[in-house]
C-alpha atoms as a PDB file:
ATOM      1  CA  MET A   1      13.032 -36.806 -31.348  1.00  0.00           C
ATOM      2  CA  SER A   2       9.606 -36.824 -32.912  1.00  0.00           C
ATOM      3  CA  ARG A   3       7.978 -33.639 -34.175  1.00  0.00           C
ATOM      4  CA  LYS A   4       5.194 -33.969 -31.585  1.00  0.00           C
ATOM      5  CA  ARG A   5       7.672 -34.304 -28.689  1.00  0.00           C
ATOM      6  CA  PHE A   6       9.740 -31.391 -29.994  1.00  0.00           C
ATOM      7  CA  ILE A   7       6.661 -29.115 -30.033  1.00  0.00           C
ATOM      8  CA  ARG A   8       5.589 -30.208 -26.513  1.00  0.00           C
ATOM      9  CA  THR A   9       9.082 -29.547 -25.168  1.00  0.00           C
ATOM     10  CA  GLY A  10       9.083 -26.101 -26.753  1.00  0.00           C
ATOM     11  CA  VAL A  11       5.674 -25.266 -25.254  1.00  0.00           C
ATOM     12  CA  VAL A  12       6.732 -26.402 -21.758  1.00  0.00           C
ATOM     13  CA  LEU A  13       9.943 -24.384 -21.912  1.00  0.00           C
ATOM     14  CA  GLY A  14       8.122 -21.322 -23.271  1.00  0.00           C
ATOM     15  CA  VAL A  15       5.413 -21.420 -20.591  1.00  0.00           C
ATOM     16  CA  GLY A  16       8.040 -21.927 -17.880  1.00  0.00           C
ATOM     17  CA  THR A  17      10.118 -19.009 -19.131  1.00  0.00           C
ATOM     18  CA  VAL A  18       7.121 -16.638 -19.058  1.00  0.00           C
ATOM     19  CA  GLY A  19       5.068 -18.154 -16.218  1.00  0.00           C
ATOM     20  CA  ILE A  20       7.656 -18.472 -13.455  1.00  0.00           C
ATOM     21  CA  PRO A  21       8.617 -14.761 -13.370  1.00  0.00           C
ATOM     22  CA  LEU A  22       4.922 -13.813 -13.422  1.00  0.00           C
ATOM     23  CA  LEU A  23       4.158 -16.101 -10.509  1.00  0.00           C
ATOM     24  CA  ALA A  24       7.172 -14.818  -8.568  1.00  0.00           C
ATOM     25  CA  GLY A  25       5.980 -11.219  -8.985  1.00  0.00           C
ATOM     26  CA  CYS A  26       2.543 -12.102  -7.636  1.00  0.00           C
ATOM     27  CA  GLY A  27       3.650 -14.050  -4.596  1.00  0.00           C
ATOM     28  CA  ASP A  28       1.938 -13.803  -1.237  1.00  0.00           C
ATOM     29  CA  GLY A  29       4.480 -11.423   0.273  1.00  0.00           C
ATOM     30  CA  ARG A  30       5.825 -13.941   2.798  1.00  0.00           C
ATOM     31  CA  ALA A  31       9.198 -14.260   1.098  1.00  0.00           C
ATOM     32  CA  SER A  32      11.946 -12.102   2.514  1.00  0.00           C
ATOM     33  CA  ARG A  33      12.229  -8.709   0.900  1.00  0.00           C
ATOM     34  CA  SER A  34      15.067  -6.350   0.381  1.00  0.00           C
ATOM     35  CA  PRO A  35      14.824  -3.167   2.472  1.00  0.00           C
ATOM     36  CA  GLU A  36      13.806  -1.249  -0.650  1.00  0.00           C
ATOM     37  CA  ALA A  37      10.147  -1.422  -1.616  1.00  0.00           C
ATOM     38  CA  PRO A  38       9.244  -1.874  -5.282  1.00  0.00           C
ATOM     39  CA  ALA A  39       8.992   1.295  -7.319  1.00  0.00           C
ATOM     40  CA  SER A  40       5.866   3.341  -6.719  1.00  0.00           C
ATOM     41  CA  PRO A  41       4.635   6.594  -8.205  1.00  0.00           C
ATOM     42  CA  TYR A  42       3.815   7.859  -4.702  1.00  0.00           C
ATOM     43  CA  SER A  43       6.273   9.470  -2.332  1.00  0.00           C
ATOM     44  CA  PRO A  44       5.659  11.082   1.058  1.00  0.00           C
ATOM     45  CA  ASP A  45       4.956  14.808   1.195  1.00  0.00           C
ATOM     46  CA  ARG A  46       6.668  15.308   4.572  1.00  0.00           C
ATOM     47  CA  GLU A  47       8.474  13.540   7.408  1.00  0.00           C
ATOM     48  CA  VAL A  48       6.798  13.175  10.802  1.00  0.00           C
ATOM     49  CA  ALA A  49       8.255  11.889  14.062  1.00  0.00           C
ATOM     50  CA  PRO A  50       6.023  10.234  16.656  1.00  0.00           C
ATOM     51  CA  GLY A  51       4.466  12.997  18.765  1.00  0.00           C
ATOM     52  CA  GLU A  52       4.679  15.561  15.950  1.00  0.00           C
ATOM     53  CA  ALA A  53       1.746  17.041  14.072  1.00  0.00           C
ATOM     54  CA  ILE A  54       1.021  15.408  10.732  1.00  0.00           C
ATOM     55  CA  ALA A  55      -1.283  18.203   9.576  1.00  0.00           C
ATOM     56  CA  SER A  56      -3.812  20.695  10.810  1.00  0.00           C
ATOM     57  CA  GLU A  57      -7.450  19.622  10.550  1.00  0.00           C
ATOM     58  CA  GLU A  58      -8.132  22.395   8.029  1.00  0.00           C
ATOM     59  CA  GLU A  59      -5.269  21.246   5.761  1.00  0.00           C
ATOM     60  CA  VAL A  60      -6.949  17.898   5.129  1.00  0.00           C
ATOM     61  CA  GLU A  61     -10.347  18.184   3.481  1.00  0.00           C
ATOM     62  CA  PRO A  62     -12.919  15.441   4.023  1.00  0.00           C
ATOM     63  CA  ASP A  63     -12.437  12.611   1.493  1.00  0.00           C
ATOM     64  CA  SER A  64      -8.705  13.242   1.059  1.00  0.00           C
ATOM     65  CA  ALA A  65      -5.373  12.083   2.459  1.00  0.00           C
ATOM     66  CA  VAL A  66      -1.821  13.128   3.323  1.00  0.00           C
ATOM     67  CA  LEU A  67       1.095  10.795   2.655  1.00  0.00           C
ATOM     68  CA  TYR A  68       4.037  11.253   5.033  1.00  0.00           C
ATOM     69  CA  ALA A  69       7.106   9.330   6.188  1.00  0.00           C
ATOM     70  CA  ASN A  70       7.615   8.107   9.744  1.00  0.00           C
ATOM     71  CA  THR A  71      11.059   9.469  10.687  1.00  0.00           C
ATOM     72  CA  GLU A  72      11.757   6.543  13.053  1.00  0.00           C
ATOM     73  CA  THR A  73      11.167   3.818  10.481  1.00  0.00           C
ATOM     74  CA  GLY A  74      11.553   5.722   7.213  1.00  0.00           C
ATOM     75  CA  GLN A  75       8.352   4.017   6.054  1.00  0.00           C
ATOM     76  CA  PRO A  76       5.448   5.853   4.408  1.00  0.00           C
ATOM     77  CA  GLU A  77       2.205   6.296   6.318  1.00  0.00           C
ATOM     78  CA  VAL A  78      -1.081   7.824   5.226  1.00  0.00           C
ATOM     79  CA  LEU A  79      -3.482  10.063   7.132  1.00  0.00           C
ATOM     80  CA  VAL A  80      -6.985   9.809   5.682  1.00  0.00           C
ATOM     81  CA  ARG A  81      -9.876  12.117   6.395  1.00  0.00           C
ATOM     82  CA  LEU A  82     -12.949  10.073   5.631  1.00  0.00           C
ATOM     83  CA  PRO A  83     -15.949  11.676   3.894  1.00  0.00           C
ATOM     84  CA  ASP A  84     -17.667  12.034   7.301  1.00  0.00           C
ATOM     85  CA  GLY A  85     -14.694  14.064   8.610  1.00  0.00           C
ATOM     86  CA  GLU A  86     -13.201  11.333  10.832  1.00  0.00           C
ATOM     87  CA  PHE A  87      -9.405  10.894  10.727  1.00  0.00           C
ATOM     88  CA  VAL A  88      -7.663   7.509  10.458  1.00  0.00           C
ATOM     89  CA  ALA A  89      -4.035   6.626   9.714  1.00  0.00           C
ATOM     90  CA  TYR A  90      -2.331   3.509   8.407  1.00  0.00           C
ATOM     91  CA  SER A  91       0.970   2.237   7.178  1.00  0.00           C
ATOM     92  CA  ALA A  92       1.111   3.046   3.464  1.00  0.00           C
ATOM     93  CA  VAL A  93       3.165  -0.083   2.773  1.00  0.00           C
ATOM     94  CA  CYS A  94       1.033  -2.657   0.951  1.00  0.00           C
ATOM     95  CA  THR A  95       0.894  -5.961   2.821  1.00  0.00           C
ATOM     96  CA  HIS A  96       1.292  -7.863  -0.446  1.00  0.00           C
ATOM     97  CA  GLN A  97       4.671  -6.818  -1.862  1.00  0.00           C
ATOM     98  CA  GLY A  98       5.576  -3.573  -0.079  1.00  0.00           C
ATOM     99  CA  CYS A  99       4.570  -0.955  -2.652  1.00  0.00           C
ATOM    100  CA  THR A 100       3.243   2.393  -1.440  1.00  0.00           C
ATOM    101  CA  VAL A 101      -0.542   2.746  -1.460  1.00  0.00           C
ATOM    102  CA  ALA A 102      -2.374   5.995  -2.184  1.00  0.00           C
ATOM    103  CA  TYR A 103      -5.851   7.306  -1.416  1.00  0.00           C
ATOM    104  CA  ARG A 104      -8.226   7.198  -4.385  1.00  0.00           C
ATOM    105  CA  ARG A 105     -10.979   9.756  -3.822  1.00  0.00           C
ATOM    106  CA  GLN A 106     -13.276   8.363  -6.544  1.00  0.00           C
ATOM    107  CA  MET A 107     -13.282   4.959  -4.764  1.00  0.00           C
ATOM    108  CA  GLN A 108     -12.820   6.282  -1.214  1.00  0.00           C
ATOM    109  CA  LYS A 109     -10.210   3.542  -0.824  1.00  0.00           C
ATOM    110  CA  LEU A 110      -6.454   3.089  -0.528  1.00  0.00           C
ATOM    111  CA  ALA A 111      -5.074   1.447  -3.667  1.00  0.00           C
ATOM    112  CA  CYS A 112      -1.766  -0.195  -4.488  1.00  0.00           C
ATOM    113  CA  PRO A 113      -0.461   0.591  -7.983  1.00  0.00           C
ATOM    114  CA  CYS A 114       1.732  -2.514  -8.227  1.00  0.00           C
ATOM    115  CA  HIS A 115      -0.705  -5.430  -8.156  1.00  0.00           C
ATOM    116  CA  GLY A 116      -4.116  -3.820  -7.679  1.00  0.00           C
ATOM    117  CA  GLY A 117      -4.626  -4.316  -3.949  1.00  0.00           C
ATOM    118  CA  VAL A 118      -7.464  -2.181  -2.518  1.00  0.00           C
ATOM    119  CA  PHE A 119      -8.011  -1.383   1.176  1.00  0.00           C
ATOM    120  CA  ASP A 120     -10.979   0.301   2.879  1.00  0.00           C
ATOM    121  CA  PRO A 121      -9.798   3.012   5.310  1.00  0.00           C
ATOM    122  CA  ALA A 122     -13.298   3.324   6.809  1.00  0.00           C
ATOM    123  CA  GLU A 123     -13.182  -0.368   7.807  1.00  0.00           C
ATOM    124  CA  GLY A 124      -9.761  -0.609   9.458  1.00  0.00           C
ATOM    125  CA  ALA A 125      -7.957  -0.788   6.091  1.00  0.00           C
ATOM    126  CA  ALA A 126      -9.545  -4.184   5.420  1.00  0.00           C
ATOM    127  CA  VAL A 127      -8.661  -5.796   2.089  1.00  0.00           C
ATOM    128  CA  VAL A 128     -11.408  -5.139  -0.459  1.00  0.00           C
ATOM    129  CA  SER A 129      -9.777  -6.759  -3.477  1.00  0.00           C
ATOM    130  CA  GLY A 130      -6.513  -7.894  -4.988  1.00  0.00           C
ATOM    131  CA  PRO A 131      -3.785 -10.200  -3.776  1.00  0.00           C
ATOM    132  CA  PRO A 132      -3.121  -8.780  -0.257  1.00  0.00           C
ATOM    133  CA  ARG A 133      -4.340 -11.081   2.507  1.00  0.00           C
ATOM    134  CA  ARG A 134      -3.908  -8.723   5.463  1.00  0.00           C
ATOM    135  CA  PRO A 135      -5.172  -5.192   6.172  1.00  0.00           C
ATOM    136  CA  LEU A 136      -2.781  -2.279   6.443  1.00  0.00           C
ATOM    137  CA  PRO A 137      -1.445  -1.785   9.992  1.00  0.00           C
ATOM    138  CA  GLU A 138      -3.165   1.057  11.840  1.00  0.00           C
ATOM    139  CA  VAL A 139      -1.168   4.061  13.039  1.00  0.00           C
ATOM    140  CA  GLU A 140      -2.249   5.716  16.275  1.00  0.00           C
ATOM    141  CA  ILE A 141      -3.169   9.371  15.969  1.00  0.00           C
ATOM    142  CA  GLU A 142      -4.759  11.968  18.220  1.00  0.00           C
ATOM    143  CA  LEU A 143      -6.541  15.244  17.594  1.00  0.00           C
ATOM    144  CA  ARG A 144      -5.744  18.270  19.747  1.00  0.00           C
ATOM    145  CA  ASP A 145      -5.645  22.018  19.254  1.00  0.00           C
ATOM    146  CA  GLY A 146      -6.938  21.679  15.676  1.00  0.00           C
ATOM    147  CA  LYS A 147      -4.072  19.396  14.609  1.00  0.00           C
ATOM    148  CA  VAL A 148      -3.647  15.699  13.964  1.00  0.00           C
ATOM    149  CA  PHE A 149      -0.660  14.188  15.800  1.00  0.00           C
ATOM    150  CA  ARG A 150       1.080  10.876  15.320  1.00  0.00           C
ATOM    151  CA  ALA A 151       0.909   9.174  18.733  1.00  0.00           C
END
């Protein structure tokens, strides 16, 4: 084997060894996943069943959020109080690879710590940047008696 061919073979093998795992980690999320989401620094503060109160209106200041777990699915969801005082709620499971998103007050967005996905809660959790291709699913909520309920 010539020196030139030996070097080319080494480069191809080296790029393949590093590149394939990187590409696999940044897939489009369509591959089947295990029931466990990738590690995330965010965990729900409380568990809420459909029909139960997530929080009182006074507990959630404008431009903040509450992360909670849906007791039926075990999945995290996030209640966001937008800067204008309006409440919205979404699945907190990133549509890219299943990591848990968190509200970032300085951006007024929901951000995924795993691959940098950013969603706009004021615009139906539309994707602002990053690899996700779909918005976060909306969670139905209702306000009554000074509390926010999961519908």
